[in-house]
Amino acid sequence: MYLCPAWALQEALSKGEATQLFKDQPLKGFPLHVLYPCRAFVPAKVRAFIDKLRATCRKQGLG
């Protein structure tokens, strides 16, 4: 069994190629960690990725 975000499977679900199980039991939140080597200098691309990930998770109600 695989756990995937709904957006990753939306096309397969709409085509009937995948089936959503346990629709009445939504998943609880889970920790998500972003690891990078040093806090003193975070490259702009890494910071942008972290900010986008955080915003997306909040928009989806995950954080």
C-alpha atoms as a PDB file:
ATOM      1  CA  MET A   1       0.000   0.000   0.000  1.00  0.00           C
ATOM      2  CA  TYR A   2       1.284   3.454  -0.870  1.00  0.00           C
ATOM      3  CA  LEU A   3       0.337   6.762   0.682  1.00  0.00           C
ATOM      4  CA  CYS A   4       0.394   9.601  -1.823  1.00  0.00           C
ATOM      5  CA  PRO A   5      -1.027  13.097  -1.860  1.00  0.00           C
ATOM      6  CA  ALA A   6      -4.299  13.343  -3.778  1.00  0.00           C
ATOM      7  CA  TRP A   7      -2.832  15.773  -6.317  1.00  0.00           C
ATOM      8  CA  ALA A   8      -0.200  13.204  -7.308  1.00  0.00           C
ATOM      9  CA  LEU A   9      -2.886  10.666  -8.207  1.00  0.00           C
ATOM     10  CA  GLN A  10      -5.648  12.955  -9.459  1.00  0.00           C
ATOM     11  CA  GLU A  11      -5.300  11.947 -13.112  1.00  0.00           C
ATOM     12  CA  ALA A  12      -5.175   8.219 -12.332  1.00  0.00           C
ATOM     13  CA  LEU A  13      -8.171   8.558 -10.003  1.00  0.00           C
ATOM     14  CA  SER A  14     -10.219  10.395 -12.628  1.00  0.00           C
ATOM     15  CA  LYS A  15      -9.360   7.749 -15.266  1.00  0.00           C
ATOM     16  CA  GLY A  16     -10.245   4.914 -12.902  1.00  0.00           C
ATOM     17  CA  GLU A  17      -6.658   3.633 -12.927  1.00  0.00           C
ATOM     18  CA  ALA A  18      -6.384   4.068  -9.150  1.00  0.00           C
ATOM     19  CA  THR A  19      -8.863   3.682  -6.325  1.00  0.00           C
ATOM     20  CA  GLN A  20      -8.986   5.723  -3.158  1.00  0.00           C
ATOM     21  CA  LEU A  21      -9.362   3.527  -0.096  1.00  0.00           C
ATOM     22  CA  PHE A  22     -10.729   4.588   3.271  1.00  0.00           C
ATOM     23  CA  LYS A  23     -12.352   7.785   1.966  1.00  0.00           C
ATOM     24  CA  ASP A  24     -14.215   8.224   5.243  1.00  0.00           C
ATOM     25  CA  GLN A  25     -11.000   8.052   7.295  1.00  0.00           C
ATOM     26  CA  PRO A  26      -8.749  10.974   6.369  1.00  0.00           C
ATOM     27  CA  LEU A  27      -5.095  10.698   7.269  1.00  0.00           C
ATOM     28  CA  LYS A  28      -3.837  12.575  10.259  1.00  0.00           C
ATOM     29  CA  GLY A  29      -0.942  14.945   9.837  1.00  0.00           C
ATOM     30  CA  PHE A  30       2.584  13.639   9.817  1.00  0.00           C
ATOM     31  CA  PRO A  31       5.932  15.290  10.424  1.00  0.00           C
ATOM     32  CA  LEU A  32       7.837  16.511   7.412  1.00  0.00           C
ATOM     33  CA  HIS A  33      11.469  17.480   7.762  1.00  0.00           C
ATOM     34  CA  VAL A  34      13.757  19.296   5.362  1.00  0.00           C
ATOM     35  CA  LEU A  35      17.418  18.606   5.976  1.00  0.00           C
ATOM     36  CA  TYR A  36      20.233  20.779   4.744  1.00  0.00           C
ATOM     37  CA  PRO A  37      23.864  20.939   5.837  1.00  0.00           C
ATOM     38  CA  CYS A  38      24.215  24.330   7.517  1.00  0.00           C
ATOM     39  CA  ARG A  39      21.915  26.943   9.038  1.00  0.00           C
ATOM     40  CA  ALA A  40      24.497  29.720   8.846  1.00  0.00           C
ATOM     41  CA  PHE A  41      24.172  29.988   5.077  1.00  0.00           C
ATOM     42  CA  VAL A  42      21.067  28.694   3.352  1.00  0.00           C
ATOM     43  CA  PRO A  43      21.215  29.164  -0.429  1.00  0.00           C
ATOM     44  CA  ALA A  44      18.360  31.204  -1.895  1.00  0.00           C
ATOM     45  CA  LYS A  45      17.107  28.205  -3.906  1.00  0.00           C
ATOM     46  CA  VAL A  46      16.901  26.067  -0.771  1.00  0.00           C
ATOM     47  CA  ARG A  47      15.146  28.837   1.176  1.00  0.00           C
ATOM     48  CA  ALA A  48      12.681  29.322  -1.710  1.00  0.00           C
ATOM     49  CA  PHE A  49      11.956  25.574  -1.771  1.00  0.00           C
ATOM     50  CA  ILE A  50      11.374  25.467   1.992  1.00  0.00           C
ATOM     51  CA  ASP A  51       9.096  28.512   1.856  1.00  0.00           C
ATOM     52  CA  LYS A  52       7.092  27.062  -1.055  1.00  0.00           C
ATOM     53  CA  LEU A  53       6.794  23.686   0.664  1.00  0.00           C
ATOM     54  CA  ARG A  54       5.621  25.323   3.885  1.00  0.00           C
ATOM     55  CA  ALA A  55       3.053  27.470   2.042  1.00  0.00           C
ATOM     56  CA  THR A  56       1.754  24.490   0.059  1.00  0.00           C
ATOM     57  CA  CYS A  57       1.375  22.372   3.181  1.00  0.00           C
ATOM     58  CA  ARG A  58      -0.491  25.150   4.978  1.00  0.00           C
ATOM     59  CA  LYS A  59      -2.742  25.672   1.950  1.00  0.00           C
ATOM     60  CA  GLN A  60      -3.570  21.958   1.985  1.00  0.00           C
ATOM     61  CA  GLY A  61      -4.323  22.137   5.715  1.00  0.00           C
ATOM     62  CA  LEU A  62      -1.270  20.114   6.681  1.00  0.00           C
ATOM     63  CA  GLY A  63       0.556  22.509   8.893  1.00  0.00           C
END
